[in-house]
């Protein structure tokens, strides 16, 4: 019994000793961390001997006050060796130096365990970096996760300059590349309602009236219609053609944009070239794909031998190419004119219906327009700026169905028998295509004939400042009612399919 008691006492003593030693080790551990947790980022940076240059520049630019505040920040501080690579022109300019240092500071907490996968980090200067596997972009984190009261400090071995975004690069290289010069020329002034001064309210429409000339900002039609390459929140890849390659592509496209005005032809051929030379996403030079697809479905062939240079930007990549020639079939695609989007009606048309329908041939829902009981020779007019100067096969889908109405007006509409209509181009009095039967309940796409467009010009009388429109509404067409009953008009769409000869 005595032996059992002795063993119990010895075990209890050992456990007490282990607990005491363990607590001392834990106290030592937490005391270190507690000390740091009482410090600000600026105080911790000042303690790091290899960050003395970074600490000095923080004081010089006033960023030390920011990093002493109660807000949470992450700092990737370049060591003294890395800081020695900063250009003297930047060091000598306080504003430039502040912007430079802001590229290494973020307003959130980023520990290395959150960067095992690539994390996109927004820095104070509005730029983004990728934090991954103890790297900030190309810089290696040599000392990581120093946690303090108002954030976390990492030490890195490189102080790369702030990268421009793609739009900055484009605008700064207009002299070297005529492609960039053309895109930059598409800038214009517009009134931003958020910045404009309010003059009053229109009593008829209820819309706000703004003081003319106030709240004017610069916009660009390429950024409006394609992608905003200044946007730091997205990633793009932009392809610049050398001047010789750009001119060659314009020459290849010129036959499809014939005009009496050479400037109109040149503007539209340049536009059709550049609109496909940017894609969303990151195209890595180390793994250049055989092709990429533009926003408008053109496949851009990429050949490593055609790459003159590649440039990393803050929001993607820029490539300079001496050749990039998508197929004509990709560049000149079928033009579809939707029936439910007319330009105008003749004044005495009958009852108009915009309908939701189901196509039994395709298994897809569609929208169309139906005009019931219109007068002989009346029409619906349409416009398109995607019918270029070439030959087309022209198709339509026009649904003739009967809908019985039992409301008070008893407005049943449609036809149980075929009616006739025709499509004419350019003028309502032209005879481009003859009258075609629209059979009851026929959902098929019907070939109505061939059409060759010989001019790509501004034909609408209400178009002003036409050159700024880039791609004008060049082609008018009219869906014309027959002279014999039943007299109706119906259209799902007209399709112009290019014929390459």
Protein backbone atom coordinates (compact mmCIF):
# COMPACT_ATOMS: atom_id res chain seq x y z
CA UNK A 1 0.00 0.00 0.00
CA UNK A 2 2.90 2.32 0.87
CA UNK A 3 4.47 1.64 -2.54
CA UNK A 4 1.22 2.58 -4.30
CA UNK A 5 1.00 5.87 -2.35
CA UNK A 6 4.65 6.65 -3.14
CA UNK A 7 4.09 6.00 -6.84
CA UNK A 8 1.01 8.22 -6.79
CA UNK A 9 2.91 11.05 -5.06
CA UNK A 10 5.82 10.74 -7.49
CA UNK A 11 3.43 10.86 -10.48
CA UNK A 12 1.67 13.91 -9.11
CA UNK A 13 5.02 15.62 -8.53
CA UNK A 14 6.13 14.83 -12.09
CA UNK A 15 2.86 16.16 -13.49
CA UNK A 16 3.27 19.33 -11.45
CA UNK A 17 6.82 19.79 -12.73
CA UNK A 18 5.73 19.22 -16.34
CA UNK A 19 2.85 21.64 -15.96
CA UNK A 20 5.12 24.27 -14.44
CA UNK A 21 7.75 23.91 -17.15
CA UNK A 22 5.06 23.89 -19.86
CA UNK A 23 3.43 27.01 -18.51
CA UNK A 24 6.79 28.81 -18.42
CA UNK A 25 7.42 27.84 -22.09
CA UNK A 26 3.92 29.02 -23.06
CA UNK A 27 4.40 32.24 -21.08
CA UNK A 28 7.67 32.82 -22.94
CA UNK A 29 5.89 32.19 -26.26
CA UNK A 30 2.94 34.45 -25.56
CA UNK A 31 5.09 37.19 -24.04
CA UNK A 32 6.92 37.58 -27.37
CA UNK A 33 3.69 37.72 -29.29
CA UNK A 34 2.07 40.00 -26.73
CA UNK A 35 4.94 42.45 -27.09
CA UNK A 36 4.46 42.58 -30.85
CA UNK A 37 0.72 42.89 -30.47
CA UNK A 38 1.32 46.11 -28.54
CA UNK A 39 3.33 47.55 -31.43
CA UNK A 40 2.22 49.26 -34.62
CA UNK A 41 3.50 48.37 -38.06
CA UNK A 42 5.74 51.44 -38.06
CA UNK A 43 7.28 50.47 -34.71
CA UNK A 44 7.94 46.91 -35.88
CA UNK A 45 9.41 48.09 -39.20
CA UNK A 46 11.76 50.40 -37.28
CA UNK A 47 13.07 47.39 -35.31
CA UNK A 48 14.05 45.49 -38.48
CA UNK A 49 17.62 46.47 -39.37
CA UNK A 50 17.24 45.42 -42.99
CA UNK A 51 14.20 47.73 -43.38
CA UNK A 52 15.89 50.98 -42.36
CA UNK A 53 15.60 52.50 -45.85
CA UNK A 54 11.93 51.56 -46.11
CA UNK A 55 11.31 53.03 -42.65
CA UNK A 56 13.05 56.27 -43.61
CA UNK A 57 10.98 56.62 -46.79
CA UNK A 58 7.76 56.00 -44.85
CA UNK A 59 8.58 59.01 -42.63
CA UNK A 60 9.55 61.14 -45.62
CA UNK A 61 6.24 60.50 -47.39
CA UNK A 62 3.97 60.63 -44.33
CA UNK A 63 2.92 57.01 -44.72
CA UNK A 64 4.30 56.32 -41.24
CA UNK A 65 1.28 58.12 -39.77
CA UNK A 66 -1.05 55.91 -41.80
CA UNK A 67 0.67 52.74 -40.57
CA UNK A 68 0.48 53.98 -36.97
CA UNK A 69 -3.31 54.26 -37.08
CA UNK A 70 -5.86 51.82 -35.73
CA UNK A 71 -6.84 50.54 -39.19
CA UNK A 72 -5.59 47.12 -40.32
CA UNK A 73 -2.93 46.91 -43.02
CA UNK A 74 -0.62 44.38 -44.61
CA UNK A 75 2.85 45.62 -45.57
CA UNK A 76 5.21 43.80 -47.90
CA UNK A 77 8.36 45.77 -47.08
CA UNK A 78 11.30 45.48 -49.53
CA UNK A 79 14.61 45.03 -47.73
CA UNK A 80 17.46 47.53 -48.02
CA UNK A 81 19.04 45.74 -50.96
CA UNK A 82 15.79 45.82 -52.87
CA UNK A 83 15.14 49.48 -52.00
CA UNK A 84 18.50 50.40 -53.55
CA UNK A 85 17.02 49.57 -56.98
CA UNK A 86 14.40 52.36 -56.84
CA UNK A 87 15.21 55.02 -59.48
CA UNK A 88 16.78 58.20 -58.12
CA UNK A 89 14.11 60.27 -59.87
CA UNK A 90 11.45 58.54 -57.76
CA UNK A 91 13.38 58.87 -54.52
CA UNK A 92 13.86 62.59 -55.17
CA UNK A 93 10.15 63.24 -55.71
CA UNK A 94 8.02 62.87 -52.57
CA UNK A 95 4.74 62.30 -54.41
CA UNK A 96 6.25 59.70 -56.73
CA UNK A 97 7.95 57.99 -53.78
CA UNK A 98 4.66 57.88 -51.86
CA UNK A 99 2.90 56.30 -54.83
CA UNK A 100 5.78 53.83 -55.17
CA UNK A 101 5.62 52.76 -51.51
CA UNK A 102 1.82 52.49 -51.67
CA UNK A 103 2.34 49.60 -54.05
CA UNK A 104 3.50 47.51 -51.07
CA UNK A 105 0.62 48.27 -48.69
CA UNK A 106 -2.90 46.80 -48.61
CA UNK A 107 -5.83 47.67 -46.35
CA UNK A 108 -6.68 44.10 -45.39
CA UNK A 109 -4.95 41.33 -43.48
CA UNK A 110 -3.06 38.86 -45.70
CA UNK A 111 -1.17 36.02 -44.04
CA UNK A 112 0.91 33.57 -46.07
CA UNK A 113 -1.54 30.78 -45.34
CA UNK A 114 -4.18 32.81 -47.23
CA UNK A 115 -1.82 33.03 -50.19
CA UNK A 116 -1.28 29.33 -50.87
CA UNK A 117 -3.55 29.82 -53.86
CA UNK A 118 -3.21 32.97 -55.91
CA UNK A 119 -4.95 35.83 -54.08
CA UNK A 120 -5.57 39.12 -55.91
CA UNK A 121 -4.54 41.97 -53.61
CA UNK A 122 -5.69 45.57 -54.03
CA UNK A 123 -2.94 47.96 -52.89
CA UNK A 124 -3.24 51.55 -51.68
CA UNK A 125 -2.25 52.91 -55.10
CA UNK A 126 -5.26 51.19 -56.72
CA UNK A 127 -3.13 48.53 -58.39
CA UNK A 128 -3.42 44.76 -57.91
CA UNK A 129 -0.80 42.13 -57.16
CA UNK A 130 -0.98 38.37 -56.79
CA UNK A 131 -0.03 36.91 -53.42
CA UNK A 132 0.77 33.20 -53.68
CA UNK A 133 3.09 30.63 -52.09
CA UNK A 134 5.08 33.25 -50.17
CA UNK A 135 5.41 35.50 -53.22
CA UNK A 136 4.03 38.92 -54.05
CA UNK A 137 4.08 38.84 -57.84
CA UNK A 138 7.77 38.14 -58.61
CA UNK A 139 9.09 39.11 -55.15
CA UNK A 140 9.82 36.37 -52.59
CA UNK A 141 8.66 36.75 -48.99
CA UNK A 142 11.85 36.15 -46.97
CA UNK A 143 10.33 36.86 -43.55
CA UNK A 144 6.63 36.27 -43.15
CA UNK A 145 3.62 36.83 -40.90
CA UNK A 146 5.02 39.29 -38.35
CA UNK A 147 1.72 40.07 -36.64
CA UNK A 148 1.35 43.39 -34.80
CA UNK A 149 -1.46 45.45 -33.32
CA UNK A 150 -2.69 46.95 -36.59
CA UNK A 151 -1.78 44.34 -39.17
CA UNK A 152 0.89 42.06 -40.49
CA UNK A 153 4.37 42.64 -41.90
CA UNK A 154 6.16 40.59 -44.55
CA UNK A 155 9.71 41.29 -45.76
CA UNK A 156 10.34 40.80 -49.49
CA UNK A 157 13.47 40.75 -51.63
CA UNK A 158 12.36 42.94 -54.56
CA UNK A 159 10.95 46.44 -55.04
CA UNK A 160 9.55 46.31 -58.54
CA UNK A 161 8.15 49.52 -59.97
CA UNK A 162 4.40 50.03 -60.12
CA UNK A 163 3.17 48.59 -63.41
CA UNK A 164 0.98 50.68 -65.70
CA UNK A 165 -2.41 49.33 -66.70
CA UNK A 166 -3.05 48.42 -70.34
CA UNK A 167 -4.81 51.71 -71.13
CA UNK A 168 -1.87 53.69 -69.72
CA UNK A 169 0.47 51.69 -71.96
CA UNK A 170 -1.79 52.20 -74.98
CA UNK A 171 -1.97 55.97 -74.51
CA UNK A 172 1.78 56.30 -73.94
CA UNK A 173 2.58 54.40 -77.14
CA UNK A 174 0.46 56.16 -79.75
CA UNK A 175 3.50 57.46 -81.66
CA UNK A 176 5.09 54.04 -81.98
CA UNK A 177 1.91 52.17 -82.99
CA UNK A 178 -0.75 53.49 -85.37
CA UNK A 179 -3.21 50.99 -83.88
CA UNK A 180 -2.92 52.73 -80.51
CA UNK A 181 -3.16 56.13 -82.19
CA UNK A 182 -6.45 55.13 -83.81
CA UNK A 183 -7.97 53.82 -80.57
CA UNK A 184 -6.89 56.93 -78.65
CA UNK A 185 -8.54 59.08 -81.35
CA UNK A 186 -11.92 57.60 -80.42
CA UNK A 187 -12.07 59.67 -77.23
CA UNK A 188 -14.89 62.17 -76.77
CA UNK A 189 -16.45 64.39 -74.11
CA UNK A 190 -19.70 63.43 -72.42
CA UNK A 191 -21.74 64.80 -69.55
CA UNK A 192 -21.68 62.67 -66.41
CA UNK A 193 -25.00 63.18 -64.53
CA UNK A 194 -23.27 62.32 -61.24
CA UNK A 195 -20.92 65.28 -61.70
CA UNK A 196 -23.13 67.72 -63.63
CA UNK A 197 -24.95 70.66 -62.08
CA UNK A 198 -28.74 70.27 -61.98
CA UNK A 199 -30.67 73.07 -63.71
CA UNK A 200 -34.20 71.81 -63.13
CA UNK A 201 -36.82 69.20 -64.04
CA UNK A 202 -38.54 68.95 -67.41
CA UNK A 203 -42.28 69.45 -66.60
CA UNK A 204 -43.36 67.26 -69.53
CA UNK A 205 -41.04 64.27 -69.13
CA UNK A 206 -40.02 64.55 -65.49
CA UNK A 207 -36.39 64.11 -66.52
CA UNK A 208 -33.56 66.05 -64.90
CA UNK A 209 -32.14 68.97 -66.89
CA UNK A 210 -28.42 69.61 -66.38
CA UNK A 211 -26.50 72.84 -66.88
CA UNK A 212 -24.75 72.58 -70.26
CA UNK A 213 -21.00 72.16 -70.03
CA UNK A 214 -20.96 70.95 -66.43
CA UNK A 215 -19.80 67.50 -65.35
CA UNK A 216 -17.95 66.86 -68.61
CA UNK A 217 -15.67 63.82 -68.64
CA UNK A 218 -13.52 62.14 -71.29
CA UNK A 219 -14.76 58.77 -72.55
CA UNK A 220 -13.59 56.53 -75.36
CA UNK A 221 -15.69 54.43 -77.73
CA UNK A 222 -13.27 51.49 -77.58
CA UNK A 223 -13.65 51.41 -73.79
CA UNK A 224 -17.44 51.82 -74.13
CA UNK A 225 -17.96 49.06 -76.71
CA UNK A 226 -15.14 46.57 -76.19
CA UNK A 227 -13.40 46.54 -72.79
CA UNK A 228 -12.33 49.26 -70.37
CA UNK A 229 -8.59 48.57 -70.40
CA UNK A 230 -8.14 51.09 -67.59
CA UNK A 231 -10.13 48.91 -65.21
CA UNK A 232 -7.80 47.54 -62.52
CA UNK A 233 -10.43 45.10 -61.23
CA UNK A 234 -10.36 42.91 -64.36
CA UNK A 235 -7.64 41.12 -66.32
CA UNK A 236 -7.18 41.49 -70.09
CA UNK A 237 -4.72 40.60 -72.82
CA UNK A 238 -4.24 43.22 -75.53
CA UNK A 239 -2.55 42.51 -78.85
CA UNK A 240 -0.82 45.32 -80.74
CA UNK A 241 -0.03 44.83 -84.41
CA UNK A 242 3.10 46.40 -85.81
CA UNK A 243 2.31 49.23 -88.19
CA UNK A 244 3.00 47.04 -91.21
CA UNK A 245 0.73 44.27 -89.89
CA UNK A 246 -2.01 46.77 -88.96
CA UNK A 247 -1.94 48.32 -92.44
CA UNK A 248 -2.05 44.87 -94.03
CA UNK A 249 -5.13 43.91 -92.00
CA UNK A 250 -6.88 47.15 -92.92
CA UNK A 251 -6.11 46.52 -96.58
CA UNK A 252 -7.54 42.99 -96.29
CA UNK A 253 -10.79 44.30 -94.77
CA UNK A 254 -11.21 47.39 -96.99
CA UNK A 255 -13.24 45.61 -99.75
CA UNK A 256 -16.02 45.01 -97.21
CA UNK A 257 -16.36 48.69 -96.26
CA UNK A 258 -16.48 50.48 -99.61
CA UNK A 259 -17.54 54.11 -99.46
CA UNK A 260 -17.34 57.20 -101.65
CA UNK A 261 -15.50 58.80 -98.73
CA UNK A 262 -12.03 57.27 -98.23
CA UNK A 263 -12.00 58.45 -94.60
CA UNK A 264 -15.15 56.47 -93.85
CA UNK A 265 -13.62 53.33 -95.37
CA UNK A 266 -10.38 53.82 -93.44
CA UNK A 267 -12.17 54.44 -90.12
CA UNK A 268 -14.41 51.40 -90.43
CA UNK A 269 -11.66 49.04 -91.57
CA UNK A 270 -9.49 50.18 -88.66
CA UNK A 271 -12.37 49.61 -86.25
CA UNK A 272 -13.12 46.11 -87.53
CA UNK A 273 -9.45 45.21 -87.04
CA UNK A 274 -9.00 46.59 -83.50
CA UNK A 275 -12.32 45.41 -82.03
CA UNK A 276 -11.03 41.83 -81.93
CA UNK A 277 -7.50 42.52 -80.65
CA UNK A 278 -8.25 42.22 -76.94
CA UNK A 279 -9.54 39.30 -74.88
CA UNK A 280 -10.62 38.99 -71.30
CA UNK A 281 -8.23 37.04 -69.10
CA UNK A 282 -4.54 36.32 -68.72
CA UNK A 283 -2.57 34.89 -71.67
CA UNK A 284 0.72 33.61 -70.25
CA UNK A 285 3.81 34.07 -72.47
CA UNK A 286 5.23 30.83 -71.12
CA UNK A 287 2.15 28.90 -72.31
CA UNK A 288 1.01 30.77 -75.38
CA UNK A 289 -2.11 29.04 -76.77
CA UNK A 290 -2.57 28.37 -80.48
CA UNK A 291 -5.51 30.76 -80.55
CA UNK A 292 -7.76 32.92 -78.37
CA UNK A 293 -11.34 34.03 -79.02
CA UNK A 294 -12.35 37.69 -79.01
CA UNK A 295 -15.50 39.19 -77.50
CA UNK A 296 -17.14 39.00 -80.94
CA UNK A 297 -16.22 35.38 -81.65
CA UNK A 298 -13.17 35.90 -83.87
CA UNK A 299 -10.44 33.30 -83.36
CA UNK A 300 -7.07 35.03 -83.14
CA UNK A 301 -4.21 32.74 -84.21
CA UNK A 302 -1.15 33.15 -81.98
CA UNK A 303 2.24 32.05 -83.23
CA UNK A 304 5.26 32.36 -80.96
CA UNK A 305 7.34 33.39 -83.98
CA UNK A 306 5.02 36.39 -84.51
CA UNK A 307 5.56 37.74 -80.96
CA UNK A 308 7.89 40.74 -81.09
CA UNK A 309 7.62 41.47 -77.37
CA UNK A 310 5.39 40.92 -74.34
CA UNK A 311 4.81 43.34 -71.47
CA UNK A 312 3.31 42.63 -68.08
CA UNK A 313 0.75 45.22 -66.97
CA UNK A 314 -1.02 45.77 -63.67
CA UNK A 315 -4.23 44.36 -65.18
CA UNK A 316 -2.91 41.83 -67.69
CA UNK A 317 -0.52 41.51 -70.61
CA UNK A 318 0.33 43.38 -73.80
CA UNK A 319 1.76 41.55 -76.81
CA UNK A 320 3.28 43.16 -79.88
CA UNK A 321 2.75 40.94 -82.93
CA UNK A 322 3.96 41.17 -86.51
CA UNK A 323 1.06 38.99 -87.73
CA UNK A 324 -2.40 37.99 -86.52
CA UNK A 325 -4.91 37.19 -89.24
CA UNK A 326 -8.29 35.74 -88.25
CA UNK A 327 -10.27 34.09 -91.03
CA UNK A 328 -12.69 36.22 -93.04
CA UNK A 329 -15.50 33.94 -91.86
CA UNK A 330 -14.67 34.98 -88.27
CA UNK A 331 -14.37 38.66 -89.10
CA UNK A 332 -17.43 38.92 -91.39
CA UNK A 333 -20.16 36.99 -89.60
CA UNK A 334 -23.86 36.65 -90.47
CA UNK A 335 -25.89 39.77 -89.76
CA UNK A 336 -29.22 39.18 -88.02
CA UNK A 337 -31.96 41.80 -87.93
CA UNK A 338 -34.56 41.03 -85.27
CA UNK A 339 -38.20 41.62 -86.18
CA UNK A 340 -39.14 42.97 -82.75
CA UNK A 341 -36.71 45.89 -83.11
CA UNK A 342 -38.07 47.99 -86.01
CA UNK A 343 -36.68 51.38 -86.97
CA UNK A 344 -40.12 52.70 -87.97
CA UNK A 345 -43.61 51.81 -89.24
CA UNK A 346 -45.63 53.31 -92.06
CA UNK A 347 -48.26 55.63 -90.61
CA UNK A 348 -51.41 53.57 -91.40
CA UNK A 349 -50.38 50.13 -90.23
CA UNK A 350 -52.88 47.85 -88.52
CA UNK A 351 -52.76 46.40 -85.02
CA UNK A 352 -49.19 45.67 -83.87
CA UNK A 353 -48.25 42.76 -81.64
CA UNK A 354 -44.84 42.02 -80.09
CA UNK A 355 -45.08 38.35 -79.26
CA UNK A 356 -43.34 35.64 -77.26
CA UNK A 357 -43.40 32.39 -79.20
CA UNK A 358 -41.93 28.88 -79.19
CA UNK A 359 -40.24 27.57 -82.34
CA UNK A 360 -41.24 23.94 -82.92
CA UNK A 361 -38.36 23.44 -85.36
CA UNK A 362 -35.53 24.62 -83.10
CA UNK A 363 -37.08 23.99 -79.69
CA UNK A 364 -36.24 27.57 -78.68
CA UNK A 365 -38.31 30.50 -77.50
CA UNK A 366 -38.27 33.62 -79.66
CA UNK A 367 -39.81 37.07 -79.98
CA UNK A 368 -41.34 38.49 -83.15
CA UNK A 369 -43.57 41.24 -84.50
CA UNK A 370 -46.97 40.73 -86.16
CA UNK A 371 -49.04 43.46 -87.82
CA UNK A 372 -52.63 42.40 -88.42
CA UNK A 373 -54.88 43.90 -91.08
CA UNK A 374 -52.45 46.49 -92.40
CA UNK A 375 -53.13 48.52 -95.50
CA UNK A 376 -51.85 47.44 -98.90
CA UNK A 377 -48.21 48.42 -99.43
CA UNK A 378 -47.58 49.43 -95.85
CA UNK A 379 -44.28 48.48 -94.28
CA UNK A 380 -42.00 48.04 -91.29
CA UNK A 381 -38.51 49.50 -91.75
CA UNK A 382 -35.26 48.19 -90.24
CA UNK A 383 -31.62 49.23 -90.24
CA UNK A 384 -28.35 47.34 -89.81
CA UNK A 385 -24.73 48.42 -89.64
CA UNK A 386 -23.47 44.85 -90.06
CA UNK A 387 -24.33 44.35 -93.74
CA UNK A 388 -21.02 45.01 -95.47
CA UNK A 389 -20.10 45.48 -99.14
CA UNK A 390 -20.31 41.92 -100.42
CA UNK A 391 -22.79 39.27 -101.55
CA UNK A 392 -25.21 37.67 -99.08
CA UNK A 393 -27.74 34.88 -99.07
CA UNK A 394 -30.80 36.28 -97.29
CA UNK A 395 -33.15 34.21 -95.10
CA UNK A 396 -36.11 35.00 -92.90
CA UNK A 397 -38.29 33.31 -90.31
CA UNK A 398 -41.85 34.71 -90.43
CA UNK A 399 -44.57 33.02 -88.40
CA UNK A 400 -48.15 33.09 -89.67
CA UNK A 401 -50.44 31.77 -86.96
CA UNK A 402 -53.97 32.51 -85.87
CA UNK A 403 -54.70 33.72 -82.34
CA UNK A 404 -58.32 33.80 -81.19
CA UNK A 405 -59.14 36.55 -78.71
CA UNK A 406 -62.27 36.43 -76.52
CA UNK A 407 -61.92 39.77 -74.75
CA UNK A 408 -64.41 42.60 -75.13
CA UNK A 409 -62.75 43.91 -78.29
CA UNK A 410 -62.73 40.43 -79.84
CA UNK A 411 -59.34 41.30 -81.41
CA UNK A 412 -58.53 37.91 -82.89
CA UNK A 413 -55.59 38.20 -85.24
CA UNK A 414 -53.51 36.22 -87.70
CA UNK A 415 -54.53 34.10 -90.63
CA UNK A 416 -55.62 30.55 -91.30
CA UNK A 417 -54.35 30.88 -94.88
CA UNK A 418 -51.10 32.06 -96.42
CA UNK A 419 -50.44 35.77 -96.83
CA UNK A 420 -47.71 37.46 -98.90
CA UNK A 421 -45.01 39.98 -98.00
CA UNK A 422 -41.66 41.02 -99.40
CA UNK A 423 -38.33 42.39 -98.20
CA UNK A 424 -36.79 45.27 -100.14
CA UNK A 425 -33.45 47.01 -99.58
CA UNK A 426 -32.52 50.70 -99.45
CA UNK A 427 -35.91 52.11 -100.52
CA UNK A 428 -39.51 51.05 -100.03
CA UNK A 429 -40.04 51.37 -103.80
CA UNK A 430 -37.19 49.05 -104.76
CA UNK A 431 -37.74 45.49 -105.98
CA UNK A 432 -34.88 43.60 -104.33
CA UNK A 433 -36.89 40.47 -103.59
CA UNK A 434 -40.31 39.45 -104.84
CA UNK A 435 -43.35 38.70 -102.70
CA UNK A 436 -43.13 35.44 -100.76
CA UNK A 437 -45.87 33.30 -99.30
CA UNK A 438 -45.94 33.09 -95.52
CA UNK A 439 -47.60 29.74 -94.97
CA UNK A 440 -49.60 29.03 -91.80
CA UNK A 441 -47.62 27.66 -88.85
CA UNK A 442 -44.29 27.41 -90.72
CA UNK A 443 -41.37 27.88 -88.32
CA UNK A 444 -38.63 27.13 -90.86
CA UNK A 445 -35.88 29.49 -92.01
CA UNK A 446 -36.69 30.37 -95.64
CA UNK A 447 -34.18 31.50 -98.31
CA UNK A 448 -35.69 34.58 -99.95
CA UNK A 449 -32.81 35.37 -102.33
CA UNK A 450 -29.37 36.93 -102.74
CA UNK A 451 -28.35 40.53 -102.16
CA UNK A 452 -25.12 42.39 -102.94
CA UNK A 453 -24.45 45.54 -100.97
CA UNK A 454 -22.24 47.93 -102.94
CA UNK A 455 -21.78 50.78 -100.47
CA UNK A 456 -21.11 51.16 -96.75
CA UNK A 457 -22.21 54.73 -96.01
CA UNK A 458 -24.27 56.82 -93.62
CA UNK A 459 -27.73 56.68 -95.15
CA UNK A 460 -30.03 57.73 -92.32
CA UNK A 461 -31.15 61.37 -92.53
CA UNK A 462 -31.06 61.89 -88.76
CA UNK A 463 -27.42 60.84 -88.32
CA UNK A 464 -25.20 63.74 -87.27
CA UNK A 465 -21.49 63.73 -86.53
CA UNK A 466 -21.46 60.45 -88.39
CA UNK A 467 -17.74 59.80 -88.35
CA UNK A 468 -17.84 59.45 -84.57
CA UNK A 469 -20.32 56.57 -84.84
CA UNK A 470 -17.55 54.31 -86.21
CA UNK A 471 -19.94 51.70 -87.61
CA UNK A 472 -22.92 53.50 -89.14
CA UNK A 473 -26.44 52.25 -89.70
CA UNK A 474 -25.60 51.82 -93.33
CA UNK A 475 -28.30 49.52 -94.68
CA UNK A 476 -32.05 50.14 -94.63
CA UNK A 477 -34.62 47.48 -95.43
CA UNK A 478 -38.40 47.37 -95.55
CA UNK A 479 -40.86 44.55 -94.92
CA UNK A 480 -43.72 45.43 -97.28
CA UNK A 481 -47.31 44.17 -97.19
CA UNK A 482 -49.00 42.63 -100.26
CA UNK A 483 -51.85 44.27 -102.16
CA UNK A 484 -54.25 41.33 -101.86
CA UNK A 485 -55.99 39.97 -98.76
CA UNK A 486 -55.18 38.64 -96.28
CA UNK A 487 -52.85 41.59 -95.60
CA UNK A 488 -50.51 41.06 -92.65
CA UNK A 489 -46.81 41.45 -91.79
CA UNK A 490 -44.80 39.04 -89.65
CA UNK A 491 -41.09 38.73 -88.84
CA UNK A 492 -38.98 36.83 -86.36
CA UNK A 493 -35.68 37.78 -88.04
CA UNK A 494 -33.86 38.39 -91.31
CA UNK A 495 -30.43 36.80 -91.64
CA UNK A 496 -27.71 37.92 -94.08
CA UNK A 497 -25.21 35.08 -94.59
CA UNK A 498 -21.93 36.18 -96.25
CA UNK A 499 -20.93 34.55 -99.54
CA UNK A 500 -17.13 34.51 -99.87
CA UNK A 501 -16.13 34.26 -103.51
